[in-house]
Protein backbone atom coordinates (compact mmCIF):
# COMPACT_ATOMS: atom_id res chain seq x y z
CA UNK A 1 0.19 0.09 0.22
CA UNK A 2 1.09 3.69 -0.63
CA UNK A 3 2.25 6.05 2.19
CA UNK A 4 -0.97 8.13 2.55
CA UNK A 5 -0.61 11.44 1.87
CA UNK A 6 -1.20 13.85 5.41
CA UNK A 7 -4.80 15.50 4.84
CA UNK A 8 -5.12 18.74 3.83
CA UNK A 9 -1.26 19.12 2.17
CA UNK A 10 -2.08 19.90 -1.22
CA UNK A 11 -4.78 22.13 0.03
CA UNK A 12 -2.52 24.32 1.72
CA UNK A 13 -1.23 25.76 -1.50
CA UNK A 14 -4.82 26.33 -2.48
CA UNK A 15 -5.46 28.45 0.82
CA UNK A 16 -4.68 32.26 0.05
CA UNK A 17 -4.31 32.23 3.75
CA UNK A 18 -1.60 29.55 4.23
CA UNK A 19 1.92 31.23 4.97
CA UNK A 20 3.71 29.12 1.95
CA UNK A 21 6.03 31.90 0.87
CA UNK A 22 9.20 32.72 2.79
CA UNK A 23 10.31 36.87 3.28
CA UNK A 24 12.88 36.44 0.43
CA UNK A 25 10.61 34.93 -2.00
CA UNK A 26 7.59 37.06 -0.97
CA UNK A 27 9.57 40.20 -2.02
CA UNK A 28 10.72 39.02 -5.03
CA UNK A 29 7.24 37.90 -5.84
CA UNK A 30 5.56 41.70 -5.47
CA UNK A 31 9.34 43.06 -6.50
CA UNK A 32 9.94 44.98 -3.31
CA UNK A 33 12.65 44.32 -1.05
CA UNK A 34 12.79 42.39 2.57
CA UNK A 35 12.96 46.02 3.50
CA UNK A 36 9.97 46.86 2.24
CA UNK A 37 8.37 44.08 3.83
CA UNK A 38 9.28 44.94 6.85
CA UNK A 39 7.99 48.35 6.99
CA UNK A 40 4.14 46.63 5.88
CA UNK A 41 4.20 44.82 8.80
CA UNK A 42 5.90 47.48 11.21
CA UNK A 43 2.46 49.46 9.72
CA UNK A 44 0.70 47.27 10.63
CA UNK A 45 -1.36 46.45 7.43
CA UNK A 46 -0.07 42.67 7.59
CA UNK A 47 1.45 40.05 10.08
CA UNK A 48 3.10 37.66 8.54
CA UNK A 49 3.20 34.39 11.29
CA UNK A 50 6.71 33.02 12.23
CA UNK A 51 8.10 29.67 11.54
CA UNK A 52 9.70 27.62 14.62
CA UNK A 53 12.78 29.23 13.88
CA UNK A 54 11.67 32.64 13.73
CA UNK A 55 11.37 33.32 9.98
CA UNK A 56 8.45 35.49 8.34
CA UNK A 57 6.14 33.62 6.32
CA UNK A 58 3.45 35.53 3.83
CA UNK A 59 0.28 34.17 2.75
CA UNK A 60 -0.76 34.89 -1.00
CA UNK A 61 -3.79 36.96 0.73
CA UNK A 62 -1.02 39.09 2.55
CA UNK A 63 1.35 39.47 -0.78
CA UNK A 64 -1.78 40.96 -2.77
CA UNK A 65 -2.21 43.31 -0.09
CA UNK A 66 1.53 44.34 -0.01
CA UNK A 67 1.72 44.28 -3.81
CA UNK A 68 -1.13 46.82 -3.60
CA UNK A 69 0.61 49.10 -1.23
CA UNK A 70 3.80 48.46 -3.63
CA UNK A 71 1.93 50.64 -6.51
CA UNK A 72 0.80 53.20 -3.74
CA UNK A 73 4.56 53.79 -3.27
CA UNK A 74 5.81 53.39 -6.69
CA UNK A 75 3.54 56.28 -7.27
CA UNK A 76 4.66 58.14 -5.11
CA UNK A 77 2.43 58.18 -2.16
CA UNK A 78 4.49 57.63 1.58
CA UNK A 79 4.76 54.03 2.85
CA UNK A 80 1.81 54.59 5.95
CA UNK A 81 -0.15 56.61 3.79
CA UNK A 82 -0.29 53.85 1.36
CA UNK A 83 -1.02 51.52 4.13
CA UNK A 84 -3.64 53.66 4.96
CA UNK A 85 -5.44 53.87 1.86
CA UNK A 86 -5.18 50.28 1.60
CA UNK A 87 -7.03 49.97 4.72
CA UNK A 88 -9.71 52.12 3.83
CA UNK A 89 -10.14 50.65 0.26
CA UNK A 90 -10.66 47.42 2.18
CA UNK A 91 -13.49 48.86 4.75
CA UNK A 92 -15.18 49.89 1.73
CA UNK A 93 -15.22 46.94 -0.17
CA UNK A 94 -16.70 45.05 2.54
CA UNK A 95 -19.40 47.66 3.47
CA UNK A 96 -20.28 47.72 -0.33
CA UNK A 97 -20.62 43.95 0.16
CA UNK A 98 -22.66 44.19 3.20
CA UNK A 99 -25.00 46.67 1.54
CA UNK A 100 -25.41 44.74 -1.44
CA UNK A 101 -26.30 41.93 0.97
CA UNK A 102 -28.40 44.25 2.50
CA UNK A 103 -30.44 44.95 -0.26
CA UNK A 104 -31.20 41.69 -1.81
CA UNK A 105 -34.48 40.36 -1.46
CA UNK A 106 -35.17 37.88 1.06
CA UNK A 107 -36.79 34.53 0.43
CA UNK A 108 -39.20 35.64 3.34
CA UNK A 109 -39.59 39.37 2.34
CA UNK A 110 -41.35 38.19 -1.07
CA UNK A 111 -39.17 39.80 -3.27
CA UNK A 112 -40.07 43.46 -1.54
CA UNK A 113 -36.41 44.95 -0.35
CA UNK A 114 -36.84 46.39 2.90
CA UNK A 115 -39.76 44.33 3.91
């Protein structure tokens, strides 16, 4: 019988929140430096998990956020302001999602929003 694969091994790499990338690889993926990722972490926009050895590990979700900050910084926005902009963009997206959910008719309301 072949050895069993531990559960969720392949699923982890499909998970946007799984901390799969080292700092060096993460920086390379978004075209930044490790110092840039540390600065984004110091601004508390993302908090990488730490390996048993204390090394930072980043998820794909965190890299998308860091890449957005990098776009803003490359356009001349200071890093602290870029981090704040990304936070506000995220809050706006969440508010719009909630508004959309609340405006959808439910089965109980007979198709009339707000009933």
